[in-house]
PDB file of all heavy atoms in Angstrom:
ATOM      1  N   VAL A   1      84.612   4.186-123.060  1.00  0.00           N
ATOM      2  CA  VAL A   1      84.083   2.990-123.705  1.00  0.00           C
ATOM      3  C   VAL A   1      85.194   2.122-124.199  1.00  0.00           C
ATOM      4  O   VAL A   1      85.252   0.926-124.031  1.00  0.00           O
ATOM      5  CB  VAL A   1      83.067   3.369-124.808  1.00  0.00           C
ATOM      6  CG1 VAL A   1      82.775   2.211-125.652  1.00  0.00           C
ATOM      7  CG2 VAL A   1      81.784   3.946-124.192  1.00  0.00           C
ATOM      8  N   VAL A   2      86.152   2.835-124.917  1.00  0.00           N
ATOM      9  CA  VAL A   2      87.310   2.067-125.462  1.00  0.00           C
ATOM     10  C   VAL A   2      88.107   1.403-124.424  1.00  0.00           C
ATOM     11  O   VAL A   2      88.554   0.250-124.522  1.00  0.00           O
ATOM     12  CB  VAL A   2      88.170   3.028-126.356  1.00  0.00           C
ATOM     13  CG1 VAL A   2      89.486   2.419-126.738  1.00  0.00           C
ATOM     14  CG2 VAL A   2      87.426   3.473-127.580  1.00  0.00           C
ATOM     15  N   GLU A   3      88.337   2.117-123.347  1.00  0.00           N
ATOM     16  CA  GLU A   3      89.068   1.517-122.186  1.00  0.00           C
ATOM     17  C   GLU A   3      88.390   0.322-121.573  1.00  0.00           C
ATOM     18  O   GLU A   3      88.945  -0.740-121.378  1.00  0.00           O
ATOM     19  CB  GLU A   3      89.281   2.577-121.203  1.00  0.00           C
ATOM     20  CG  GLU A   3      90.180   2.152-119.939  1.00  0.00           C
ATOM     21  CD  GLU A   3      90.321   3.252-118.928  1.00  0.00           C
ATOM     22  OE1 GLU A   3      90.802   4.378-119.373  1.00  0.00           O
ATOM     23  OE2 GLU A   3      90.054   2.987-117.714  1.00  0.00           O
ATOM     24  N   ALA A   4      87.116   0.474-121.322  1.00  0.00           N
ATOM     25  CA  ALA A   4      86.241  -0.626-120.813  1.00  0.00           C
ATOM     26  C   ALA A   4      86.244  -1.812-121.806  1.00  0.00           C
ATOM     27  O   ALA A   4      86.374  -3.018-121.321  1.00  0.00           O
ATOM     28  CB  ALA A   4      84.846  -0.225-120.467  1.00  0.00           C
ATOM     29  N   ALA A   5      86.128  -1.552-123.022  1.00  0.00           N
ATOM     30  CA  ALA A   5      86.084  -2.682-124.053  1.00  0.00           C
ATOM     31  C   ALA A   5      87.459  -3.354-124.103  1.00  0.00           C
ATOM     32  O   ALA A   5      87.605  -4.557-124.216  1.00  0.00           O
ATOM     33  CB  ALA A   5      85.689  -2.069-125.394  1.00  0.00           C
ATOM     34  N   SER A   6      88.530  -2.546-124.045  1.00  0.00           N
ATOM     35  CA  SER A   6      89.871  -3.082-124.123  1.00  0.00           C
ATOM     36  C   SER A   6      90.123  -3.977-122.918  1.00  0.00           C
ATOM     37  O   SER A   6      90.829  -4.975-123.065  1.00  0.00           O
ATOM     38  CB  SER A   6      90.952  -1.916-124.209  1.00  0.00           C
ATOM     39  OG  SER A   6      90.772  -1.227-125.422  1.00  0.00           O
ATOM     40  N   ASP A   7      89.685  -3.538-121.721  1.00  0.00           N
ATOM     41  CA  ASP A   7      89.844  -4.385-120.565  1.00  0.00           C
ATOM     42  C   ASP A   7      89.208  -5.771-120.706  1.00  0.00           C
ATOM     43  O   ASP A   7      89.625  -6.743-120.027  1.00  0.00           O
ATOM     44  CB  ASP A   7      89.196  -3.706-119.306  1.00  0.00           C
ATOM     45  CG  ASP A   7      90.033  -2.500-118.834  1.00  0.00           C
ATOM     46  OD1 ASP A   7      91.174  -2.307-119.334  1.00  0.00           O
ATOM     47  OD2 ASP A   7      89.552  -1.765-118.003  1.00  0.00           O
ATOM     48  N   LYS A   8      88.172  -5.837-121.566  1.00  0.00           N
ATOM     49  CA  LYS A   8      87.486  -7.123-121.828  1.00  0.00           C
ATOM     50  C   LYS A   8      88.002  -7.846-123.160  1.00  0.00           C
ATOM     51  O   LYS A   8      87.377  -8.704-123.599  1.00  0.00           O
ATOM     52  CB  LYS A   8      86.039  -6.969-121.853  1.00  0.00           C
ATOM     53  CG  LYS A   8      85.371  -6.418-120.610  1.00  0.00           C
ATOM     54  CD  LYS A   8      85.450  -7.450-119.482  1.00  0.00           C
ATOM     55  CE  LYS A   8      84.723  -6.882-118.202  1.00  0.00           C
ATOM     56  NZ  LYS A   8      84.753  -7.870-117.102  1.00  0.00           N
ATOM     57  N   LYS A   9      89.086  -7.345-123.587  1.00  0.00           N
ATOM     58  CA  LYS A   9      89.846  -7.937-124.786  1.00  0.00           C
ATOM     59  C   LYS A   9      89.067  -7.763-126.102  1.00  0.00           C
ATOM     60  O   LYS A   9      89.049  -8.623-126.994  1.00  0.00           O
ATOM     61  CB  LYS A   9      90.124  -9.427-124.515  1.00  0.00           C
ATOM     62  CG  LYS A   9      90.870  -9.670-123.238  1.00  0.00           C
ATOM     63  CD  LYS A   9      92.222  -8.983-123.211  1.00  0.00           C
ATOM     64  CE  LYS A   9      92.998  -9.449-121.967  1.00  0.00           C
ATOM     65  NZ  LYS A   9      93.760  -8.413-121.405  1.00  0.00           N
ATOM     66  N   ALA A  10      88.289  -6.625-126.231  1.00  0.00           N
ATOM     67  CA  ALA A  10      87.617  -6.381-127.461  1.00  0.00           C
ATOM     68  C   ALA A  10      88.664  -6.210-128.617  1.00  0.00           C
ATOM     69  O   ALA A  10      89.844  -5.864-128.279  1.00  0.00           O
ATOM     70  CB  ALA A  10      86.785  -5.065-127.334  1.00  0.00           C
ATOM     71  N   GLU A  11      88.269  -6.483-129.777  1.00  0.00           N
ATOM     72  CA  GLU A  11      89.174  -6.426-130.909  1.00  0.00           C
ATOM     73  C   GLU A  11      88.695  -5.402-131.951  1.00  0.00           C
ATOM     74  O   GLU A  11      87.486  -5.112-132.025  1.00  0.00           O
ATOM     75  CB  GLU A  11      89.261  -7.708-131.583  1.00  0.00           C
ATOM     76  CG  GLU A  11      89.845  -8.888-130.599  1.00  0.00           C
ATOM     77  CD  GLU A  11      89.761 -10.264-131.163  1.00  0.00           C
ATOM     78  OE1 GLU A  11      89.112 -10.433-132.231  1.00  0.00           O
ATOM     79  OE2 GLU A  11      90.360 -11.108-130.642  1.00  0.00           O
ATOM     80  N   ASP A  12      89.640  -4.868-132.735  1.00  0.00           N
ATOM     81  CA  ASP A  12      89.288  -3.948-133.872  1.00  0.00           C
ATOM     82  C   ASP A  12      88.293  -2.878-133.443  1.00  0.00           C
ATOM     83  O   ASP A  12      87.223  -2.761-133.964  1.00  0.00           O
ATOM     84  CB  ASP A  12      88.780  -4.751-135.051  1.00  0.00           C
ATOM     85  CG  ASP A  12      88.859  -3.926-136.358  1.00  0.00           C
ATOM     86  OD1 ASP A  12      89.518  -2.887-136.377  1.00  0.00           O
ATOM     87  OD2 ASP A  12      88.157  -4.348-137.299  1.00  0.00           O
ATOM     88  N   ILE A  13      88.707  -2.088-132.438  1.00  0.00           N
ATOM     89  CA  ILE A  13      87.895  -1.007-131.929  1.00  0.00           C
ATOM     90  C   ILE A  13      88.028   0.206-132.830  1.00  0.00           C
ATOM     91  O   ILE A  13      89.143   0.637-133.172  1.00  0.00           O
ATOM     92  CB  ILE A  13      88.288  -0.638-130.481  1.00  0.00           C
ATOM     93  CG1 ILE A  13      88.136  -1.852-129.614  1.00  0.00           C
ATOM     94  CG2 ILE A  13      87.425   0.487-129.948  1.00  0.00           C
ATOM     95  CD1 ILE A  13      88.733  -1.694-128.231  1.00  0.00           C
ATOM     96  N   LEU A  14      86.912   0.778-133.280  1.00  0.00           N
ATOM     97  CA  LEU A  14      86.890   1.860-134.166  1.00  0.00           C
ATOM     98  C   LEU A  14      85.938   2.981-133.540  1.00  0.00           C
ATOM     99  O   LEU A  14      84.822   2.637-133.176  1.00  0.00           O
ATOM    100  CB  LEU A  14      86.369   1.444-135.523  1.00  0.00           C
ATOM    101  CG  LEU A  14      86.353   2.499-136.629  1.00  0.00           C
ATOM    102  CD1 LEU A  14      87.749   2.925-137.038  1.00  0.00           C
ATOM    103  CD2 LEU A  14      85.584   1.897-137.871  1.00  0.00           C
ATOM    104  N   VAL A  15      86.427   4.200-133.496  1.00  0.00           N
ATOM    105  CA  VAL A  15      85.587   5.299-133.077  1.00  0.00           C
ATOM    106  C   VAL A  15      85.478   6.241-134.278  1.00  0.00           C
ATOM    107  O   VAL A  15      86.426   6.695-134.898  1.00  0.00           O
ATOM    108  CB  VAL A  15      86.150   6.108-131.918  1.00  0.00           C
ATOM    109  CG1 VAL A  15      85.337   7.309-131.520  1.00  0.00           C
ATOM    110  CG2 VAL A  15      86.468   5.206-130.728  1.00  0.00           C
ATOM    111  N   MET A  16      84.153   6.449-134.639  1.00  0.00           N
ATOM    112  CA  MET A  16      83.869   7.365-135.822  1.00  0.00           C
ATOM    113  C   MET A  16      83.080   8.540-135.385  1.00  0.00           C
ATOM    114  O   MET A  16      82.161   8.451-134.590  1.00  0.00           O
ATOM    115  CB  MET A  16      83.047   6.498-136.832  1.00  0.00           C
ATOM    116  CG  MET A  16      83.759   5.286-137.340  1.00  0.00           C
ATOM    117  SD  MET A  16      82.728   4.366-138.485  1.00  0.00           S
ATOM    118  CE  MET A  16      82.886   5.400-139.938  1.00  0.00           C
ATOM    119  N   ASN A  17      83.410   9.696-135.905  1.00  0.00           N
ATOM    120  CA  ASN A  17      82.677  10.943-135.714  1.00  0.00           C
ATOM    121  C   ASN A  17      81.568  10.972-136.735  1.00  0.00           C
ATOM    122  O   ASN A  17      81.794  11.348-137.911  1.00  0.00           O
ATOM    123  CB  ASN A  17      83.622  12.109-135.853  1.00  0.00           C
ATOM    124  CG  ASN A  17      82.913  13.427-135.575  1.00  0.00           C
ATOM    125  OD1 ASN A  17      81.704  13.522-135.560  1.00  0.00           O
ATOM    126  ND2 ASN A  17      83.677  14.464-135.389  1.00  0.00           N
ATOM    127  N   VAL A  18      80.353  10.679-136.299  1.00  0.00           N
ATOM    128  CA  VAL A  18      79.173  10.665-137.183  1.00  0.00           C
ATOM    129  C   VAL A  18      78.326  11.933-137.023  1.00  0.00           C
ATOM    130  O   VAL A  18      77.299  12.026-137.671  1.00  0.00           O
ATOM    131  CB  VAL A  18      78.322   9.401-136.940  1.00  0.00           C
ATOM    132  CG1 VAL A  18      79.079   8.115-137.242  1.00  0.00           C
ATOM    133  CG2 VAL A  18      77.824   9.358-135.458  1.00  0.00           C
ATOM    134  N   SER A  19      78.829  12.912-136.337  1.00  0.00           N
ATOM    135  CA  SER A  19      78.030  14.139-136.093  1.00  0.00           C
ATOM    136  C   SER A  19      77.684  14.862-137.306  1.00  0.00           C
ATOM    137  O   SER A  19      76.599  15.581-137.291  1.00  0.00           O
ATOM    138  CB  SER A  19      78.758  15.051-135.106  1.00  0.00           C
ATOM    139  OG  SER A  19      79.992  15.501-135.666  1.00  0.00           O
ATOM    140  N   GLU A  20      78.395  14.817-138.342  1.00  0.00           N
ATOM    141  CA  GLU A  20      78.147  15.540-139.583  1.00  0.00           C
ATOM    142  C   GLU A  20      77.239  14.703-140.515  1.00  0.00           C
ATOM    143  O   GLU A  20      76.736  15.292-141.511  1.00  0.00           O
ATOM    144  CB  GLU A  20      79.466  15.889-140.275  1.00  0.00           C
ATOM    145  CG  GLU A  20      80.294  16.898-139.425  1.00  0.00           C
ATOM    146  CD  GLU A  20      79.635  18.185-139.124  1.00  0.00           C
ATOM    147  OE1 GLU A  20      78.984  18.754-140.146  1.00  0.00           O
ATOM    148  OE2 GLU A  20      79.773  18.726-138.062  1.00  0.00           O
ATOM    149  N   VAL A  21      77.074  13.424-140.253  1.00  0.00           N
ATOM    150  CA  VAL A  21      76.341  12.673-141.227  1.00  0.00           C
ATOM    151  C   VAL A  21      75.015  12.045-140.595  1.00  0.00           C
ATOM    152  O   VAL A  21      74.214  11.496-141.429  1.00  0.00           O
ATOM    153  CB  VAL A  21      77.182  11.483-141.819  1.00  0.00           C
ATOM    154  CG1 VAL A  21      78.283  12.009-142.636  1.00  0.00           C
ATOM    155  CG2 VAL A  21      77.720  10.606-140.705  1.00  0.00           C
ATOM    156  N   THR A  22      74.777  12.267-139.338  1.00  0.00           N
ATOM    157  CA  THR A  22      73.494  11.802-138.745  1.00  0.00           C
ATOM    158  C   THR A  22      73.289  12.584-137.470  1.00  0.00           C
ATOM    159  O   THR A  22      74.194  13.165-136.879  1.00  0.00           O
ATOM    160  CB  THR A  22      73.565  10.261-138.420  1.00  0.00           C
ATOM    161  OG1 THR A  22      72.304   9.856-137.876  1.00  0.00           O
ATOM    162  CG2 THR A  22      74.717   9.945-137.405  1.00  0.00           C
ATOM    163  N   THR A  23      72.050  12.581-137.048  1.00  0.00           N
ATOM    164  CA  THR A  23      71.686  13.183-135.805  1.00  0.00           C
ATOM    165  C   THR A  23      71.549  12.195-134.669  1.00  0.00           C
ATOM    166  O   THR A  23      71.222  12.526-133.522  1.00  0.00           O
ATOM    167  CB  THR A  23      70.346  13.969-135.893  1.00  0.00           C
ATOM    168  OG1 THR A  23      69.259  13.099-136.322  1.00  0.00           O
ATOM    169  CG2 THR A  23      70.414  15.107-136.942  1.00  0.00           C
ATOM    170  N   ILE A  24      71.831  10.933-134.957  1.00  0.00           N
ATOM    171  CA  ILE A  24      71.672   9.836-133.984  1.00  0.00           C
ATOM    172  C   ILE A  24      72.642   9.992-132.837  1.00  0.00           C
ATOM    173  O   ILE A  24      72.250   9.867-131.656  1.00  0.00           O
ATOM    174  CB  ILE A  24      71.951   8.508-134.663  1.00  0.00           C
ATOM    175  CG1 ILE A  24      70.878   8.200-135.722  1.00  0.00           C
ATOM    176  CG2 ILE A  24      71.972   7.351-133.650  1.00  0.00           C
ATOM    177  CD1 ILE A  24      71.183   7.031-136.546  1.00  0.00           C
ATOM    178  N   ALA A  25      73.848  10.428-133.086  1.00  0.00           N
ATOM    179  CA  ALA A  25      74.896  10.494-132.092  1.00  0.00           C
ATOM    180  C   ALA A  25      76.076  11.352-132.654  1.00  0.00           C
ATOM    181  O   ALA A  25      76.042  11.611-133.850  1.00  0.00           O
ATOM    182  CB  ALA A  25      75.364   9.139-131.698  1.00  0.00           C
ATOM    183  N   ASP A  26      76.960  11.699-131.733  1.00  0.00           N
ATOM    184  CA  ASP A  26      78.185  12.367-132.182  1.00  0.00           C
ATOM    185  C   ASP A  26      79.236  11.346-132.593  1.00  0.00           C
ATOM    186  O   ASP A  26      79.961  11.528-133.578  1.00  0.00           O
ATOM    187  CB  ASP A  26      78.712  13.274-131.090  1.00  0.00           C
ATOM    188  CG  ASP A  26      77.895  14.464-130.827  1.00  0.00           C
ATOM    189  OD1 ASP A  26      77.126  14.961-131.771  1.00  0.00           O
ATOM    190  OD2 ASP A  26      77.969  15.017-129.743  1.00  0.00           O
ATOM    191  N   LEU A  27      79.344  10.267-131.808  1.00  0.00           N
ATOM    192  CA  LEU A  27      80.346   9.269-132.072  1.00  0.00           C
ATOM    193  C   LEU A  27      79.761   7.880-132.072  1.00  0.00           C
ATOM    194  O   LEU A  27      78.864   7.588-131.230  1.00  0.00           O
ATOM    195  CB  LEU A  27      81.454   9.323-131.041  1.00  0.00           C
ATOM    196  CG  LEU A  27      82.232  10.646-130.907  1.00  0.00           C
ATOM    197  CD1 LEU A  27      83.148  10.669-129.702  1.00  0.00           C
ATOM    198  CD2 LEU A  27      83.043  10.877-132.176  1.00  0.00           C
ATOM    199  N   PHE A  28      80.226   7.016-132.936  1.00  0.00           N
ATOM    200  CA  PHE A  28      79.905   5.567-132.885  1.00  0.00           C
ATOM    201  C   PHE A  28      81.264   4.890-132.455  1.00  0.00           C
ATOM    202  O   PHE A  28      82.309   5.285-132.954  1.00  0.00           O
ATOM    203  CB  PHE A  28      79.600   5.049-134.285  1.00  0.00           C
ATOM    204  CG  PHE A  28      78.166   5.243-134.720  1.00  0.00           C
ATOM    205  CD1 PHE A  28      77.273   5.844-133.922  1.00  0.00           C
ATOM    206  CD2 PHE A  28      77.784   4.756-135.935  1.00  0.00           C
ATOM    207  CE1 PHE A  28      75.913   5.976-134.357  1.00  0.00           C
ATOM    208  CE2 PHE A  28      76.483   4.898-136.370  1.00  0.00           C
ATOM    209  CZ  PHE A  28      75.550   5.477-135.572  1.00  0.00           C
ATOM    210  N   VAL A  29      81.139   3.915-131.573  1.00  0.00           N
ATOM    211  CA  VAL A  29      82.178   3.035-131.219  1.00  0.00           C
ATOM    212  C   VAL A  29      81.790   1.649-131.772  1.00  0.00           C
ATOM    213  O   VAL A  29      80.725   1.131-131.380  1.00  0.00           O
ATOM    214  CB  VAL A  29      82.483   2.996-129.744  1.00  0.00           C
ATOM    215  CG1 VAL A  29      83.639   2.013-129.423  1.00  0.00           C
ATOM    216  CG2 VAL A  29      82.798   4.380-129.186  1.00  0.00           C
ATOM    217  N   ILE A  30      82.568   1.107-132.726  1.00  0.00           N
ATOM    218  CA  ILE A  30      82.322  -0.200-133.328  1.00  0.00           C
ATOM    219  C   ILE A  30      83.442  -1.115-132.877  1.00  0.00           C
ATOM    220  O   ILE A  30      84.632  -0.755-132.951  1.00  0.00           O
ATOM    221  CB  ILE A  30      82.229  -0.108-134.829  1.00  0.00           C
ATOM    222  CG1 ILE A  30      81.195   0.969-135.232  1.00  0.00           C
ATOM    223  CG2 ILE A  30      81.987  -1.444-135.438  1.00  0.00           C
ATOM    224  CD1 ILE A  30      81.207   1.294-136.715  1.00  0.00           C
ATOM    225  N   LEU A  31      83.098  -2.293-132.397  1.00  0.00           N
ATOM    226  CA  LEU A  31      84.123  -3.249-131.863  1.00  0.00           C
ATOM    227  C   LEU A  31      83.656  -4.686-132.118  1.00  0.00           C
ATOM    228  O   LEU A  31      82.428  -4.918-132.338  1.00  0.00           O
ATOM    229  CB  LEU A  31      84.484  -2.974-130.445  1.00  0.00           C
ATOM    230  CG  LEU A  31      83.257  -3.026-129.469  1.00  0.00           C
ATOM    231  CD1 LEU A  31      83.124  -4.341-128.845  1.00  0.00           C
ATOM    232  CD2 LEU A  31      83.389  -1.916-128.430  1.00  0.00           C
ATOM    233  N   SER A  32      84.593  -5.547-131.932  1.00  0.00           N
ATOM    234  CA  SER A  32      84.235  -6.997-132.055  1.00  0.00           C
ATOM    235  C   SER A  32      84.788  -7.728-130.832  1.00  0.00           C
ATOM    236  O   SER A  32      85.724  -7.413-130.167  1.00  0.00           O
ATOM    237  CB  SER A  32      84.982  -7.571-133.270  1.00  0.00           C
ATOM    238  OG  SER A  32      84.534  -6.935-134.479  1.00  0.00           O
ATOM    239  N   GLY A  33      84.072  -8.877-130.567  1.00  0.00           N
ATOM    240  CA  GLY A  33      84.471  -9.818-129.612  1.00  0.00           C
ATOM    241  C   GLY A  33      84.523 -11.178-130.338  1.00  0.00           C
ATOM    242  O   GLY A  33      83.917 -11.341-131.453  1.00  0.00           O
TER     243      GLY A  33
END
């Protein structure tokens, strides 16, 4: 995901490990365009 987003010039990419605080997912990727 980070690689694909970077290829499209995404900015301020953040990957967070949310596995201990929610059951929604293991990782969130937050980014801006």
